[in-house]
């Protein structure tokens, strides 16, 4: 007998890490969200979360932020107290523990907003990168006589330019699922997009659809302007990159070299700087200062690159 072949259905289960994150957010919301942030004015944060494509409410964001802050504060205080009091036996261990705990908690909480702003910047960069080519395609479609709604549906079904395709799919979703007209759907999508260029384009298209106008001529003109603006921004980024290279060479490398020389001088003179000996200074230089400097410079360059599109 022939065995029947069965197709394996794709698994819809989320990864374990994603499930743990979702449960952690739910726990944080049950703990604080329903009681602390119910009356919080979160309009600006709500818009930023939509721009970052982070699919949860401001109350969940704030609840997770508060829960994480409390956990990090307690764990950091325990770890640093053990380190300075029992391992290094420093007299002012409590002061160092509290200071480093405050720094750790501040950095951790700041990472929430950094990740959100980074996602906004990344989406903006992707949209601005794809926008000139998408505008050219839109102008070709408009020249064929297609209606605006058919143009939007065609752009939402594409597989190339994923960032722009996602924006057009939002428009179609608002029309088909929420029952909104094309002008309302495009206006709401314009408010949620992180790209000012695409937002302006959507608003102009709404006005032209409402009042009438030559879509083909407008889109061709907008594509040329956007492409030239992209060239100017990339040229500015190259100039900034040269400045960052000079700053890294003149300040960072010299500063690290200075700390290394200071450590060797301390060892030669058998002296210390407060609780820091030459060995501890070299350890901080190798495992804390140099990695922090490299990460900081990479973050600055990455942020400048993201803004350049």
Protein backbone atom coordinates (compact mmCIF):
# COMPACT_ATOMS: atom_id res chain seq x y z
CA UNK A 1 0.00 0.00 0.00
CA UNK A 2 1.17 3.42 -0.83
CA UNK A 3 1.66 5.62 2.13
CA UNK A 4 -0.04 8.95 1.98
CA UNK A 5 2.36 11.83 2.03
CA UNK A 6 1.42 14.56 4.40
CA UNK A 7 2.78 18.04 4.17
CA UNK A 8 4.33 19.38 7.29
CA UNK A 9 2.49 22.45 8.42
CA UNK A 10 4.68 25.36 9.43
CA UNK A 11 5.03 25.70 13.15
CA UNK A 12 3.27 28.72 14.61
CA UNK A 13 4.95 28.42 17.98
CA UNK A 14 7.00 31.37 19.13
CA UNK A 15 10.60 30.88 20.27
CA UNK A 16 11.14 30.31 23.96
CA UNK A 17 12.92 33.66 24.33
CA UNK A 18 9.97 35.50 22.76
CA UNK A 19 7.52 33.72 25.07
CA UNK A 20 9.62 34.62 28.12
CA UNK A 21 9.71 38.27 27.05
CA UNK A 22 5.94 38.31 26.54
CA UNK A 23 5.35 36.76 29.97
CA UNK A 24 7.74 39.24 31.57
CA UNK A 25 5.84 42.14 29.98
CA UNK A 26 2.53 40.68 31.12
CA UNK A 27 3.86 40.25 34.67
CA UNK A 28 5.13 43.84 34.70
CA UNK A 29 1.79 45.16 33.45
CA UNK A 30 -0.15 43.22 36.10
CA UNK A 31 2.24 44.53 38.72
CA UNK A 32 2.28 48.23 37.81
CA UNK A 33 0.42 48.99 34.60
CA UNK A 34 -3.14 48.80 35.88
CA UNK A 35 -2.42 50.88 38.99
CA UNK A 36 0.38 53.33 38.22
CA UNK A 37 0.11 54.37 34.58
CA UNK A 38 -3.64 54.50 33.99
CA UNK A 39 -3.77 58.31 34.05
CA UNK A 40 -0.38 58.91 32.47
CA UNK A 41 -0.32 61.19 29.43
CA UNK A 42 1.41 58.98 26.90
CA UNK A 43 0.44 60.48 23.55
CA UNK A 44 3.98 61.31 22.47
CA UNK A 45 5.29 57.91 23.60
CA UNK A 46 2.44 56.14 21.81
CA UNK A 47 3.41 57.84 18.54
CA UNK A 48 7.06 56.90 19.01
CA UNK A 49 6.15 53.26 19.69
CA UNK A 50 4.14 53.19 16.46
CA UNK A 51 7.05 54.73 14.56
CA UNK A 52 9.38 52.09 16.02
CA UNK A 53 6.86 49.37 15.06
CA UNK A 54 6.84 48.16 18.67
CA UNK A 55 3.47 46.51 19.13
CA UNK A 56 2.58 47.32 22.74
CA UNK A 57 1.04 50.19 24.64
CA UNK A 58 2.82 52.94 26.61
CA UNK A 59 1.53 51.48 29.90
CA UNK A 60 3.22 48.15 29.10
CA UNK A 61 6.41 50.02 28.15
CA UNK A 62 6.48 52.00 31.40
CA UNK A 63 5.58 48.95 33.50
CA UNK A 64 8.39 46.91 31.99
CA UNK A 65 10.74 49.85 32.48
CA UNK A 66 9.88 50.17 36.18
CA UNK A 67 10.08 46.42 36.86
CA UNK A 68 13.45 46.16 35.11
CA UNK A 69 14.77 49.18 37.00
CA UNK A 70 13.88 47.64 40.36
CA UNK A 71 15.41 44.26 39.47
CA UNK A 72 18.63 45.77 38.10
CA UNK A 73 19.01 48.05 41.13
CA UNK A 74 18.70 45.17 43.61
CA UNK A 75 20.97 42.80 41.66
CA UNK A 76 23.60 45.46 40.99
CA UNK A 77 23.72 46.50 44.63
CA UNK A 78 24.23 42.88 45.72
CA UNK A 79 26.95 42.20 43.10
CA UNK A 80 28.90 45.43 43.66
CA UNK A 81 28.67 45.15 47.45
CA UNK A 82 30.06 41.62 47.29
CA UNK A 83 32.80 42.74 44.89
CA UNK A 84 34.04 45.79 46.81
CA UNK A 85 33.42 44.57 50.37
CA UNK A 86 34.42 40.91 50.28
CA UNK A 87 36.73 40.53 47.26
CA UNK A 88 38.55 43.88 47.06
CA UNK A 89 38.00 44.82 50.76
CA UNK A 90 37.75 48.55 50.05
CA UNK A 91 36.93 50.78 53.02
CA UNK A 92 34.46 52.94 51.08
CA UNK A 93 32.76 49.91 49.55
CA UNK A 94 29.25 51.19 50.19
CA UNK A 95 29.89 54.48 48.37
CA UNK A 96 31.38 52.71 45.34
CA UNK A 97 28.56 50.16 45.33
CA UNK A 98 25.85 52.83 45.42
CA UNK A 99 27.57 54.91 42.72
CA UNK A 100 28.04 51.99 40.32
CA UNK A 101 24.51 50.75 41.05
CA UNK A 102 23.12 54.16 40.13
CA UNK A 103 25.16 54.19 36.92
CA UNK A 104 24.10 50.65 36.00
CA UNK A 105 20.42 51.35 36.62
CA UNK A 106 20.56 54.61 34.66
CA UNK A 107 22.26 52.94 31.70
CA UNK A 108 19.80 50.04 31.75
CA UNK A 109 16.76 52.31 31.81
CA UNK A 110 18.30 54.48 29.13
CA UNK A 111 18.67 51.41 26.92
CA UNK A 112 14.88 51.13 26.66
CA UNK A 113 14.64 54.56 25.06
CA UNK A 114 17.83 53.96 23.09
CA UNK A 115 16.41 50.78 21.54
CA UNK A 116 13.15 52.54 20.70
CA UNK A 117 14.92 55.51 19.11
CA UNK A 118 17.32 53.14 17.34
CA UNK A 119 14.40 51.26 15.78
CA UNK A 120 12.83 54.54 14.70
CA UNK A 121 16.12 55.65 13.17
CA UNK A 122 16.61 52.29 11.46
CA UNK A 123 13.11 52.33 9.94
CA UNK A 124 13.57 55.92 8.83
CA UNK A 125 16.88 55.03 7.20
CA UNK A 126 15.38 52.06 5.34
CA UNK A 127 12.36 54.05 4.14
CA UNK A 128 14.46 57.01 3.01
CA UNK A 129 16.83 54.64 1.22
CA UNK A 130 14.01 52.98 -0.74
CA UNK A 131 11.85 56.07 -1.26
CA UNK A 132 13.44 57.51 -4.46
CA UNK A 133 13.14 54.18 -6.29
CA UNK A 134 9.59 53.60 -5.05
CA UNK A 135 8.57 57.09 -6.17
CA UNK A 136 9.90 56.32 -9.64
CA UNK A 137 7.84 53.14 -9.75
CA UNK A 138 4.78 55.01 -8.51
CA UNK A 139 5.16 57.56 -11.30
CA UNK A 140 5.27 54.76 -13.89
CA UNK A 141 2.12 53.19 -12.44
CA UNK A 142 0.38 56.58 -12.35
CA UNK A 143 1.27 57.17 -16.01
CA UNK A 144 -0.57 53.96 -16.98
CA UNK A 145 -3.85 55.38 -15.72
CA UNK A 146 -4.30 53.19 -12.63
CA UNK A 147 -6.46 54.59 -9.86
CA UNK A 148 -4.75 55.53 -6.56
CA UNK A 149 -6.28 52.59 -4.69
CA UNK A 150 -5.04 50.12 -7.33
CA UNK A 151 -1.58 51.69 -7.15
CA UNK A 152 -1.56 51.25 -3.36
CA UNK A 153 -2.64 47.61 -3.65
CA UNK A 154 0.04 46.92 -6.25
CA UNK A 155 2.73 48.44 -4.02
CA UNK A 156 1.50 46.45 -1.02
CA UNK A 157 1.86 43.15 -2.93
CA UNK A 158 5.48 43.69 -3.91
CA UNK A 159 8.36 41.63 -2.49
CA UNK A 160 11.13 44.17 -3.01
CA UNK A 161 11.84 47.20 -0.82
CA UNK A 162 10.46 45.63 2.40
CA UNK A 163 10.32 48.84 4.44
CA UNK A 164 8.21 50.71 1.89
CA UNK A 165 6.09 47.63 1.15
CA UNK A 166 5.27 47.42 4.86
CA UNK A 167 4.07 51.04 4.82
CA UNK A 168 1.78 50.40 1.86
CA UNK A 169 0.44 47.26 3.52
CA UNK A 170 -0.56 49.38 6.51
CA UNK A 171 -2.57 51.61 4.19
CA UNK A 172 -4.35 48.64 2.60
CA UNK A 173 -4.96 47.09 6.02
CA UNK A 174 -6.65 50.26 7.24
CA UNK A 175 -8.83 50.25 4.12
CA UNK A 176 -9.78 46.55 4.02
CA UNK A 177 -9.81 45.67 7.72
CA UNK A 178 -10.81 48.93 9.40
CA UNK A 179 -13.06 50.13 6.58
CA UNK A 180 -11.44 53.54 6.13
CA UNK A 181 -11.26 55.49 2.91
CA UNK A 182 -7.94 55.88 1.13
CA UNK A 183 -7.34 59.48 2.22
CA UNK A 184 -7.92 58.67 5.92
CA UNK A 185 -5.75 55.53 5.67
CA UNK A 186 -2.90 57.44 4.04
CA UNK A 187 -3.16 60.30 6.56
CA UNK A 188 -3.00 57.94 9.55
CA UNK A 189 -0.08 56.04 8.03
CA UNK A 190 1.70 59.36 7.48
CA UNK A 191 1.43 60.09 11.22
CA UNK A 192 2.92 56.69 12.09
CA UNK A 193 5.85 56.69 9.67
CA UNK A 194 9.26 57.80 11.02
CA UNK A 195 10.31 59.31 7.69
CA UNK A 196 9.45 63.01 7.22
CA UNK A 197 10.02 62.65 3.47
CA UNK A 198 7.51 59.82 3.13
CA UNK A 199 5.08 61.61 5.47
CA UNK A 200 5.20 64.70 3.28
CA UNK A 201 4.73 62.56 0.16
CA UNK A 202 1.64 60.87 1.60
CA UNK A 203 0.08 64.19 2.61
CA UNK A 204 0.75 65.61 -0.87
CA UNK A 205 -0.83 62.54 -2.45
CA UNK A 206 -3.87 62.93 -0.19
CA UNK A 207 -4.29 66.53 -1.32
CA UNK A 208 -3.91 65.59 -4.98
CA UNK A 209 -6.40 62.72 -4.68
CA UNK A 210 -8.88 65.01 -2.94
CA UNK A 211 -8.45 68.08 -5.15
CA UNK A 212 -7.10 66.50 -8.34
CA UNK A 213 -3.74 66.91 -10.06
CA UNK A 214 -1.09 65.28 -12.22
CA UNK A 215 0.18 62.39 -10.08
CA UNK A 216 2.74 61.29 -12.68
CA UNK A 217 4.45 64.70 -12.91
CA UNK A 218 4.45 65.17 -9.13
CA UNK A 219 5.92 61.74 -8.43
CA UNK A 220 8.67 62.13 -11.05
CA UNK A 221 9.60 65.53 -9.63
CA UNK A 222 9.52 64.21 -6.05
CA UNK A 223 11.72 61.25 -6.99
CA UNK A 224 14.38 63.57 -8.49
CA UNK A 225 14.32 65.88 -5.45
CA UNK A 226 14.53 62.97 -2.99
CA UNK A 227 17.41 61.34 -4.85
CA UNK A 228 19.39 64.58 -4.88
CA UNK A 229 18.71 65.09 -1.18
CA UNK A 230 19.96 61.56 -0.51
CA UNK A 231 23.21 62.33 -2.35
CA UNK A 232 23.70 65.51 -0.28
CA UNK A 233 23.11 63.65 3.00
CA UNK A 234 25.57 60.90 2.10
CA UNK A 235 28.19 63.51 1.17
CA UNK A 236 27.69 65.14 4.57
CA UNK A 237 28.09 61.75 6.26
CA UNK A 238 31.45 61.18 4.55
CA UNK A 239 32.66 64.54 5.87
CA UNK A 240 31.46 63.67 9.38
CA UNK A 241 33.19 60.29 9.18
CA UNK A 242 36.51 62.03 8.53
CA UNK A 243 35.91 64.20 11.59
CA UNK A 244 35.10 61.16 13.75
CA UNK A 245 38.30 59.46 12.59
CA UNK A 246 40.38 62.46 13.59
CA UNK A 247 38.61 62.67 16.95
CA UNK A 248 39.19 58.97 17.59
CA UNK A 249 42.88 59.22 16.71
CA UNK A 250 43.65 62.45 18.57
CA UNK A 251 41.55 62.04 21.71
CA UNK A 252 40.63 58.41 22.31
CA UNK A 253 43.92 56.74 21.47
CA UNK A 254 45.98 59.40 23.26
CA UNK A 255 43.70 59.18 26.30
CA UNK A 256 44.02 55.40 26.49
CA UNK A 257 47.79 55.65 26.05
CA UNK A 258 47.94 58.24 28.83
CA UNK A 259 46.10 55.93 31.24
CA UNK A 260 48.46 53.09 30.36
CA UNK A 261 51.51 55.25 31.06
CA UNK A 262 49.93 56.39 34.34
CA UNK A 263 49.49 52.78 35.41
CA UNK A 264 53.14 51.95 34.71
CA UNK A 265 54.27 55.06 36.61
CA UNK A 266 52.14 54.06 39.60
CA UNK A 267 53.72 50.63 39.55
CA UNK A 268 57.22 52.08 39.32
CA UNK A 269 56.65 54.48 42.23
CA UNK A 270 54.69 51.91 44.26
CA UNK A 271 51.86 54.42 44.57
CA UNK A 272 48.07 54.39 44.20
CA UNK A 273 45.27 56.71 43.13
CA UNK A 274 42.82 56.33 45.99
CA UNK A 275 41.78 52.67 46.04
CA UNK A 276 43.14 52.07 42.54
CA UNK A 277 46.51 50.38 42.14
CA UNK A 278 48.47 49.99 38.92
CA UNK A 279 47.06 46.47 38.41
CA UNK A 280 43.45 47.54 38.99
CA UNK A 281 43.93 50.53 36.67
CA UNK A 282 45.26 48.26 33.92
CA UNK A 283 42.36 45.86 34.46
CA UNK A 284 39.89 48.74 34.16
CA UNK A 285 41.71 49.94 31.07
CA UNK A 286 41.63 46.51 29.41
CA UNK A 287 38.15 45.29 30.35
CA UNK A 288 36.15 48.47 30.91
CA UNK A 289 37.54 51.66 29.38
CA UNK A 290 38.78 50.37 26.00
CA UNK A 291 35.61 48.30 25.28
CA UNK A 292 33.43 51.24 26.37
CA UNK A 293 35.36 53.60 24.07
CA UNK A 294 35.08 51.23 21.10
CA UNK A 295 31.36 50.69 21.68
CA UNK A 296 30.80 54.44 22.07
CA UNK A 297 32.62 55.33 18.84
CA UNK A 298 30.80 52.56 16.94
CA UNK A 299 27.48 53.83 18.30
CA UNK A 300 28.23 57.39 17.17
CA UNK A 301 29.28 56.25 13.69
CA UNK A 302 26.27 53.92 13.40
CA UNK A 303 23.90 56.70 14.43
CA UNK A 304 25.45 59.08 11.90
CA UNK A 305 25.20 56.38 9.22
CA UNK A 306 21.55 55.74 10.06
CA UNK A 307 20.78 59.44 9.72
CA UNK A 308 22.56 59.50 6.37
CA UNK A 309 20.11 56.91 5.04
